[in-house]
Structures are given as C-alpha cells and as structure tokens.
C-alpha cells in the first residue's frame, strides 16, 4: 500500500511540475502554509527562499488586486461559494508582476466551518 501511495504522490508531483502549476495549502486551524517548489519558481524564487507563512501571498499580491483576492477567499471560507477562482498579479523576485489564476477550495471543514 505504501508503494502505491508513494507512486501516486510522485505521479501528481510530476504532473503538476510538467503542467507548470504551483500548489499552495493553508491550514486555517494552525496557520501553517505550504507553497510548492513550482509555485516559488513561477515567481523566480528557489525552494526555501520564501517564508511559508499565511500572509506571504498577500505581501506578494499587487495592491490593486488585494481587496478582490481577500474578499474572494473570505466568501469561500464563510461557505458562500463552492470554490475560489481569482486572477491576480504576484510580484516576481526580479520586480515585475506575474499574472496567475488562483483556484482553490476548502478541503475539510469542522463544526465551526
């Protein structure tokens, strides 16, 4: 079973890498965040160069896109939407802006939402 699970994980990692898709995960209970190597690379950073904090994406988000992006996330976390889909600009390490399509959704809810 572990071999199949390992292969499955490797499959998805390779598929996401080949598709140039960055992945992020935010645990609202603990505040812990994960940003994949490809997510960092899309913004010109090497693995481990960026702090994996919940406010990192907000720091990197273009000021004109922040309010809309935050509102989209808040609506989804409140259970008002099935998923998040927001186009926004994130700041590349070299200083230019990179347009991204951010898609996501709550994977698990507890009694409090």
N, C-alpha and C. Protein backbone atom coordinates (compact mmCIF):
# COMPACT_ATOMS: atom_id res chain seq x y z
N UNK A 1 0.83 -1.19 0.00
CA UNK A 1 0.00 0.00 0.00
C UNK A 1 0.87 1.26 0.00
N UNK A 2 1.95 1.24 0.79
CA UNK A 2 2.83 2.41 0.86
C UNK A 2 3.47 2.69 -0.49
N UNK A 3 3.85 1.61 -1.23
CA UNK A 3 4.44 1.80 -2.55
C UNK A 3 3.47 2.49 -3.49
N UNK A 4 2.21 2.07 -3.46
CA UNK A 4 1.20 2.67 -4.32
C UNK A 4 0.99 4.14 -3.94
N UNK A 5 0.96 4.41 -2.64
CA UNK A 5 0.78 5.78 -2.17
C UNK A 5 1.97 6.65 -2.60
N UNK A 6 3.19 6.12 -2.47
CA UNK A 6 4.38 6.85 -2.90
C UNK A 6 4.35 7.13 -4.39
N UNK A 7 3.98 6.12 -5.18
CA UNK A 7 3.90 6.29 -6.65
C UNK A 7 2.84 7.31 -6.99
N UNK A 8 1.71 7.27 -6.31
CA UNK A 8 0.64 8.22 -6.57
C UNK A 8 1.11 9.64 -6.28
N UNK A 9 1.79 9.84 -5.17
CA UNK A 9 2.33 11.15 -4.82
C UNK A 9 3.33 11.63 -5.85
N UNK A 10 4.21 10.74 -6.29
CA UNK A 10 5.20 11.09 -7.31
C UNK A 10 4.52 11.43 -8.63
N UNK A 11 3.47 10.70 -8.97
CA UNK A 11 2.71 10.96 -10.20
C UNK A 11 2.16 12.37 -10.20
N UNK A 12 1.49 12.75 -9.11
CA UNK A 12 0.89 14.08 -9.04
C UNK A 12 1.94 15.18 -9.01
N UNK A 13 3.04 14.93 -8.32
CA UNK A 13 4.12 15.92 -8.28
C UNK A 13 4.68 16.15 -9.69
N UNK A 14 4.90 15.08 -10.42
CA UNK A 14 5.41 15.19 -11.79
C UNK A 14 4.39 15.86 -12.71
N UNK A 15 3.13 15.48 -12.58
CA UNK A 15 2.08 16.08 -13.42
C UNK A 15 1.98 17.58 -13.20
N UNK A 16 2.00 18.00 -11.95
CA UNK A 16 1.92 19.43 -11.64
C UNK A 16 3.15 20.17 -12.15
N UNK A 17 4.32 19.55 -12.00
CA UNK A 17 5.56 20.17 -12.48
C UNK A 17 5.53 20.34 -13.99
N UNK A 18 5.15 19.30 -14.71
CA UNK A 18 5.13 19.36 -16.18
C UNK A 18 4.09 20.34 -16.70
N UNK A 19 3.03 20.53 -15.94
CA UNK A 19 1.97 21.47 -16.33
C UNK A 19 2.30 22.89 -15.86
N UNK A 20 3.41 23.05 -15.15
CA UNK A 20 3.82 24.35 -14.60
C UNK A 20 2.74 24.94 -13.69
N UNK A 21 2.21 24.09 -12.83
CA UNK A 21 1.18 24.52 -11.88
C UNK A 21 1.78 24.56 -10.48
N UNK A 22 1.65 25.71 -9.86
CA UNK A 22 2.08 25.84 -8.48
C UNK A 22 0.95 25.46 -7.54
N UNK A 23 1.30 24.93 -6.40
CA UNK A 23 0.31 24.47 -5.43
C UNK A 23 0.59 25.12 -4.08
N UNK A 24 -0.48 25.50 -3.40
CA UNK A 24 -0.35 26.02 -2.05
C UNK A 24 -1.39 25.34 -1.17
N UNK A 25 -1.11 25.32 0.11
CA UNK A 25 -2.03 24.72 1.07
C UNK A 25 -1.95 25.54 2.35
N UNK A 26 -3.10 25.90 2.88
CA UNK A 26 -3.17 26.72 4.10
C UNK A 26 -4.07 26.03 5.09
N UNK A 27 -3.52 25.64 6.22
CA UNK A 27 -4.30 25.03 7.30
C UNK A 27 -4.80 26.15 8.19
N UNK A 28 -6.09 26.46 8.09
CA UNK A 28 -6.66 27.58 8.84
C UNK A 28 -6.64 27.35 10.35
N UNK A 29 -6.64 26.08 10.76
CA UNK A 29 -6.61 25.79 12.20
C UNK A 29 -5.27 26.14 12.82
N UNK A 30 -4.19 25.82 12.11
CA UNK A 30 -2.84 26.02 12.67
C UNK A 30 -2.15 27.26 12.11
N UNK A 31 -2.61 27.73 10.95
CA UNK A 31 -1.94 28.84 10.28
C UNK A 31 -0.78 28.39 9.42
N UNK A 32 -0.48 27.09 9.43
CA UNK A 32 0.63 26.56 8.64
C UNK A 32 0.32 26.67 7.15
N UNK A 33 1.35 27.00 6.38
CA UNK A 33 1.21 27.10 4.93
C UNK A 33 2.30 26.30 4.24
N UNK A 34 1.97 25.85 3.04
CA UNK A 34 2.93 25.17 2.18
C UNK A 34 2.80 25.77 0.80
N UNK A 35 3.92 26.10 0.19
CA UNK A 35 3.97 26.56 -1.20
C UNK A 35 4.90 25.61 -1.94
N UNK A 36 4.45 25.04 -3.04
CA UNK A 36 5.26 24.07 -3.77
C UNK A 36 6.48 24.74 -4.41
N UNK A 37 7.45 23.91 -4.77
CA UNK A 37 8.65 24.42 -5.44
C UNK A 37 8.27 25.14 -6.72
N UNK A 38 7.30 24.61 -7.47
CA UNK A 38 6.88 25.25 -8.72
C UNK A 38 6.22 26.59 -8.45
N UNK A 39 5.46 26.71 -7.38
CA UNK A 39 4.84 27.99 -7.02
C UNK A 39 5.93 29.03 -6.83
N UNK A 40 6.98 28.66 -6.09
CA UNK A 40 8.10 29.57 -5.86
C UNK A 40 8.84 29.89 -7.15
N UNK A 41 9.08 28.87 -7.96
CA UNK A 41 9.81 29.05 -9.22
C UNK A 41 9.07 29.98 -10.18
N UNK A 42 7.74 29.92 -10.20
CA UNK A 42 6.98 30.80 -11.08
C UNK A 42 7.24 32.26 -10.74
N UNK A 43 7.65 32.51 -9.51
CA UNK A 43 7.91 33.87 -9.05
C UNK A 43 9.41 34.16 -8.96
N UNK A 44 10.22 33.26 -9.50
CA UNK A 44 11.66 33.48 -9.57
C UNK A 44 12.45 33.09 -8.33
N UNK A 45 11.82 32.38 -7.42
CA UNK A 45 12.48 32.01 -6.17
C UNK A 45 12.85 30.53 -6.19
N UNK A 46 13.93 30.21 -5.50
CA UNK A 46 14.31 28.83 -5.30
C UNK A 46 13.57 28.25 -4.12
N UNK A 47 13.59 26.95 -4.03
CA UNK A 47 12.93 26.27 -2.92
C UNK A 47 13.56 26.72 -1.60
N UNK A 48 12.72 27.11 -0.66
CA UNK A 48 13.19 27.53 0.65
C UNK A 48 13.53 29.01 0.77
N UNK A 49 13.48 29.76 -0.34
CA UNK A 49 13.78 31.20 -0.28
C UNK A 49 12.65 32.02 0.31
N UNK A 50 11.44 31.52 0.23
CA UNK A 50 10.28 32.26 0.71
C UNK A 50 9.80 31.67 2.03
N UNK A 51 9.41 32.53 2.94
CA UNK A 51 8.84 32.07 4.21
C UNK A 51 7.47 31.47 3.94
N UNK A 52 7.20 30.31 4.48
CA UNK A 52 5.91 29.67 4.25
C UNK A 52 4.92 30.15 5.31
N UNK A 53 4.48 31.39 5.14
CA UNK A 53 3.53 32.00 6.07
C UNK A 53 2.22 32.28 5.35
N UNK A 54 1.16 32.42 6.13
CA UNK A 54 -0.16 32.64 5.53
C UNK A 54 -0.28 34.00 4.87
N UNK A 55 0.55 34.95 5.27
CA UNK A 55 0.44 36.28 4.66
C UNK A 55 1.42 36.50 3.51
N UNK A 56 2.21 35.49 3.16
CA UNK A 56 3.17 35.64 2.06
C UNK A 56 2.48 36.04 0.77
N UNK A 57 1.41 35.33 0.40
CA UNK A 57 0.75 35.63 -0.87
C UNK A 57 0.20 37.05 -0.87
N UNK A 58 -0.27 37.51 0.28
CA UNK A 58 -0.81 38.87 0.36
C UNK A 58 0.31 39.90 0.19
N UNK A 59 1.47 39.62 0.77
CA UNK A 59 2.62 40.51 0.60
C UNK A 59 3.04 40.59 -0.86
N UNK A 60 2.91 39.49 -1.59
CA UNK A 60 3.33 39.44 -2.99
C UNK A 60 2.25 39.89 -3.96
N UNK A 61 1.02 40.03 -3.49
CA UNK A 61 -0.10 40.40 -4.36
C UNK A 61 -0.07 41.89 -4.68
N UNK A 62 -0.33 42.20 -5.95
CA UNK A 62 -0.38 43.60 -6.40
C UNK A 62 -1.41 44.36 -5.56
N UNK A 63 -1.08 45.58 -5.13
CA UNK A 63 -2.01 46.36 -4.29
C UNK A 63 -3.41 46.51 -4.90
N UNK A 64 -3.49 46.62 -6.22
CA UNK A 64 -4.80 46.77 -6.87
C UNK A 64 -5.63 45.49 -6.86
N UNK A 65 -5.00 44.35 -6.57
CA UNK A 65 -5.70 43.06 -6.59
C UNK A 65 -6.01 42.53 -5.20
N UNK A 66 -5.43 43.12 -4.18
CA UNK A 66 -5.55 42.57 -2.82
C UNK A 66 -6.98 42.50 -2.31
N UNK A 67 -7.70 43.59 -2.40
CA UNK A 67 -9.05 43.63 -1.84
C UNK A 67 -9.94 42.56 -2.48
N UNK A 68 -9.86 42.44 -3.79
CA UNK A 68 -10.68 41.45 -4.51
C UNK A 68 -10.27 40.03 -4.14
N UNK A 69 -8.96 39.78 -4.05
CA UNK A 69 -8.47 38.45 -3.71
C UNK A 69 -8.87 38.05 -2.29
N UNK A 70 -8.71 38.97 -1.36
CA UNK A 70 -9.08 38.69 0.04
C UNK A 70 -10.59 38.44 0.14
N UNK A 71 -11.39 39.25 -0.53
CA UNK A 71 -12.85 39.09 -0.48
C UNK A 71 -13.26 37.74 -1.04
N UNK A 72 -12.62 37.30 -2.11
CA UNK A 72 -12.93 36.00 -2.70
C UNK A 72 -12.65 34.88 -1.70
N UNK A 73 -11.51 34.96 -1.04
CA UNK A 73 -11.16 33.96 -0.04
C UNK A 73 -12.10 33.97 1.15
N UNK A 74 -12.44 35.15 1.62
CA UNK A 74 -13.35 35.26 2.77
C UNK A 74 -14.73 34.70 2.45
N UNK A 75 -15.24 34.99 1.24
CA UNK A 75 -16.55 34.45 0.85
C UNK A 75 -16.52 32.92 0.84
N UNK A 76 -15.43 32.37 0.32
CA UNK A 76 -15.34 30.92 0.25
C UNK A 76 -15.20 30.30 1.64
N UNK A 77 -14.34 30.86 2.46
CA UNK A 77 -14.16 30.33 3.82
C UNK A 77 -15.47 30.39 4.60
N UNK A 78 -16.27 31.42 4.35
CA UNK A 78 -17.57 31.55 5.02
C UNK A 78 -18.61 30.58 4.47
N UNK A 79 -18.26 29.84 3.42
CA UNK A 79 -19.18 28.86 2.85
C UNK A 79 -20.15 29.42 1.83
N UNK A 80 -19.89 30.63 1.35
CA UNK A 80 -20.79 31.28 0.40
C UNK A 80 -20.53 30.88 -1.05
N UNK A 81 -19.37 30.29 -1.32
CA UNK A 81 -19.03 29.84 -2.67
C UNK A 81 -18.48 28.42 -2.60
N UNK A 82 -18.58 27.71 -3.73
CA UNK A 82 -18.07 26.34 -3.79
C UNK A 82 -16.55 26.28 -3.91
N UNK A 83 -15.96 27.33 -4.48
CA UNK A 83 -14.51 27.35 -4.68
C UNK A 83 -14.04 28.79 -4.85
N UNK A 84 -12.73 28.93 -4.95
CA UNK A 84 -12.10 30.23 -5.20
C UNK A 84 -11.55 30.20 -6.62
N UNK A 85 -11.78 31.27 -7.35
CA UNK A 85 -11.14 31.44 -8.65
C UNK A 85 -10.91 32.93 -8.84
N UNK A 86 -9.66 33.34 -8.75
CA UNK A 86 -9.32 34.76 -8.80
C UNK A 86 -8.08 34.96 -9.66
N UNK A 87 -8.15 35.91 -10.58
CA UNK A 87 -6.96 36.32 -11.33
C UNK A 87 -6.31 37.45 -10.56
N UNK A 88 -5.01 37.33 -10.36
CA UNK A 88 -4.30 38.37 -9.64
C UNK A 88 -2.84 38.40 -10.08
N UNK A 89 -2.18 39.48 -9.73
CA UNK A 89 -0.76 39.63 -10.04
C UNK A 89 0.05 39.41 -8.78
N UNK A 90 1.11 38.60 -8.93
CA UNK A 90 2.05 38.37 -7.85
C UNK A 90 3.41 38.92 -8.26
N UNK A 91 4.14 39.46 -7.31
CA UNK A 91 5.42 40.09 -7.60
C UNK A 91 6.52 39.05 -7.76
N UNK A 92 7.17 39.08 -8.91
CA UNK A 92 8.31 38.22 -9.22
C UNK A 92 9.53 38.73 -8.46
N UNK A 93 10.46 37.85 -8.19
CA UNK A 93 11.68 38.22 -7.48
C UNK A 93 12.41 39.37 -8.18
N UNK A 94 12.34 39.41 -9.51
CA UNK A 94 13.04 40.46 -10.26
C UNK A 94 12.29 41.79 -10.28
N UNK A 95 11.06 41.79 -9.72
CA UNK A 95 10.33 43.05 -9.58
C UNK A 95 9.13 43.22 -10.49
N UNK A 96 9.02 42.41 -11.55
CA UNK A 96 7.85 42.55 -12.42
C UNK A 96 6.68 41.73 -11.87
N UNK A 97 5.51 41.96 -12.45
CA UNK A 97 4.29 41.30 -11.98
C UNK A 97 3.96 40.12 -12.87
N UNK A 98 3.56 39.02 -12.25
CA UNK A 98 3.18 37.80 -12.95
C UNK A 98 1.69 37.57 -12.72
N UNK A 99 0.94 37.48 -13.83
CA UNK A 99 -0.48 37.18 -13.71
C UNK A 99 -0.65 35.70 -13.40
N UNK A 100 -1.47 35.38 -12.42
CA UNK A 100 -1.78 33.99 -12.09
C UNK A 100 -3.29 33.83 -11.95
N UNK A 101 -3.74 32.63 -12.22
CA UNK A 101 -5.13 32.25 -11.96
C UNK A 101 -5.09 31.37 -10.72
N UNK A 102 -5.62 31.87 -9.65
CA UNK A 102 -5.61 31.16 -8.37
C UNK A 102 -6.93 30.43 -8.22
N UNK A 103 -6.85 29.12 -8.13
CA UNK A 103 -8.04 28.29 -7.93
C UNK A 103 -7.82 27.46 -6.67
N UNK A 104 -8.87 27.30 -5.92
CA UNK A 104 -8.74 26.50 -4.72
C UNK A 104 -10.07 26.27 -4.05
N UNK A 105 -9.99 25.61 -2.93
CA UNK A 105 -11.20 25.34 -2.18
C UNK A 105 -10.88 24.69 -0.85
N UNK A 106 -11.81 24.81 0.04
CA UNK A 106 -11.68 24.17 1.34
C UNK A 106 -11.76 22.67 1.14
N UNK A 107 -10.81 21.96 1.70
CA UNK A 107 -10.76 20.51 1.57
C UNK A 107 -11.52 19.84 2.70
N UNK A 108 -11.49 20.46 3.86
CA UNK A 108 -12.13 19.86 5.03
C UNK A 108 -12.67 20.97 5.93
N UNK A 109 -13.88 20.80 6.40
CA UNK A 109 -14.48 21.76 7.34
C UNK A 109 -14.76 21.04 8.66
N UNK A 110 -14.69 21.81 9.75
CA UNK A 110 -15.05 21.26 11.05
C UNK A 110 -16.41 21.82 11.47
N UNK A 111 -16.81 21.60 12.69
CA UNK A 111 -18.12 22.05 13.16
C UNK A 111 -18.26 23.57 13.12
N UNK A 112 -17.14 24.27 13.16
CA UNK A 112 -17.17 25.74 13.12
C UNK A 112 -17.06 26.29 11.71
N UNK A 113 -17.00 25.44 10.74
CA UNK A 113 -16.95 25.90 9.35
C UNK A 113 -15.76 25.41 8.62
